[in-house]
C-alpha atoms as a PDB file:
ATOM      1  CA  UNK A   1      95.606 129.218 106.809  1.00  0.00           C
ATOM      2  CA  UNK A   2      99.076 130.072 106.131  1.00  0.00           C
ATOM      3  CA  UNK A   3     101.908 129.074 105.075  1.00  0.00           C
ATOM      4  CA  UNK A   4     104.353 126.261 106.493  1.00  0.00           C
ATOM      5  CA  UNK A   5     107.429 128.517 107.229  1.00  0.00           C
ATOM      6  CA  UNK A   6     108.155 131.051 109.708  1.00  0.00           C
ATOM      7  CA  UNK A   7     108.586 134.460 109.410  1.00  0.00           C
ATOM      8  CA  UNK A   8     109.198 137.435 110.972  1.00  0.00           C
ATOM      9  CA  UNK A   9     107.956 140.801 109.624  1.00  0.00           C
ATOM     10  CA  UNK A  10     108.235 144.646 110.893  1.00  0.00           C
ATOM     11  CA  UNK A  11     104.674 146.083 109.793  1.00  0.00           C
ATOM     12  CA  UNK A  12     105.986 149.786 109.912  1.00  0.00           C
ATOM     13  CA  UNK A  13     108.528 148.802 107.669  1.00  0.00           C
ATOM     14  CA  UNK A  14     105.870 146.300 105.242  1.00  0.00           C
ATOM     15  CA  UNK A  15     102.867 149.567 105.627  1.00  0.00           C
ATOM     16  CA  UNK A  16     105.156 152.644 104.903  1.00  0.00           C
ATOM     17  CA  UNK A  17     105.535 155.730 106.694  1.00  0.00           C
ATOM     18  CA  UNK A  18     101.894 156.022 107.459  1.00  0.00           C
ATOM     19  CA  UNK A  19     101.528 152.778 109.506  1.00  0.00           C
ATOM     20  CA  UNK A  20     100.048 152.885 112.630  1.00  0.00           C
ATOM     21  CA  UNK A  21     101.744 149.947 114.229  1.00  0.00           C
ATOM     22  CA  UNK A  22     104.532 150.438 116.853  1.00  0.00           C
ATOM     23  CA  UNK A  23     107.516 151.108 115.349  1.00  0.00           C
ATOM     24  CA  UNK A  24     109.323 148.883 118.303  1.00  0.00           C
ATOM     25  CA  UNK A  25     106.906 146.057 116.801  1.00  0.00           C
ATOM     26  CA  UNK A  26     107.422 143.029 115.296  1.00  0.00           C
ATOM     27  CA  UNK A  27     105.255 140.035 114.086  1.00  0.00           C
ATOM     28  CA  UNK A  28     106.313 135.826 114.223  1.00  0.00           C
ATOM     29  CA  UNK A  29     104.712 133.835 112.796  1.00  0.00           C
ATOM     30  CA  UNK A  30     105.995 130.208 113.700  1.00  0.00           C
ATOM     31  CA  UNK A  31     106.342 127.584 111.354  1.00  0.00           C
ATOM     32  CA  UNK A  32     106.910 123.987 111.129  1.00  0.00           C
ATOM     33  CA  UNK A  33     110.013 124.076 111.641  1.00  0.00           C
ATOM     34  CA  UNK A  34     111.941 122.364 114.681  1.00  0.00           C
ATOM     35  CA  UNK A  35     111.324 123.831 117.696  1.00  0.00           C
ATOM     36  CA  UNK A  36     115.148 124.017 118.249  1.00  0.00           C
ATOM     37  CA  UNK A  37     116.049 124.947 115.036  1.00  0.00           C
ATOM     38  CA  UNK A  38     113.811 128.053 115.176  1.00  0.00           C
ATOM     39  CA  UNK A  39     115.256 129.421 118.527  1.00  0.00           C
ATOM     40  CA  UNK A  40     119.147 129.403 117.610  1.00  0.00           C
ATOM     41  CA  UNK A  41     117.509 131.370 114.560  1.00  0.00           C
ATOM     42  CA  UNK A  42     116.127 133.947 116.858  1.00  0.00           C
ATOM     43  CA  UNK A  43     118.811 133.775 118.977  1.00  0.00           C
ATOM     44  CA  UNK A  44     121.362 134.637 115.810  1.00  0.00           C
ATOM     45  CA  UNK A  45     118.847 137.274 114.798  1.00  0.00           C
ATOM     46  CA  UNK A  46     119.111 139.261 118.205  1.00  0.00           C
ATOM     47  CA  UNK A  47     122.561 138.873 118.767  1.00  0.00           C
ATOM     48  CA  UNK A  48     122.799 140.768 115.098  1.00  0.00           C
ATOM     49  CA  UNK A  49     120.269 143.656 115.981  1.00  0.00           C
ATOM     50  CA  UNK A  50     121.976 143.906 119.053  1.00  0.00           C
ATOM     51  CA  UNK A  51     125.217 144.650 117.546  1.00  0.00           C
ATOM     52  CA  UNK A  52     124.286 146.814 114.641  1.00  0.00           C
ATOM     53  CA  UNK A  53     122.198 148.914 117.557  1.00  0.00           C
ATOM     54  CA  UNK A  54     125.267 150.021 119.131  1.00  0.00           C
END
C-alpha cells in the first residue's frame, strides 16, 4: 500500500531524458483528503499552469 497523501507526478521529469513516458502525462494518486479540498487544489494548480504556459 502507498501513503495517505495525494501526489501529482510528472514521470518525464522524475525519470529524466531517457523516459519513455509521454511528455504531457502526469500521474495523480489520491489520498485521504477531503474531496472538496482536492478539487480546489487541482483547480488552483491548473489555473497556475495555464498562466505559466502563456
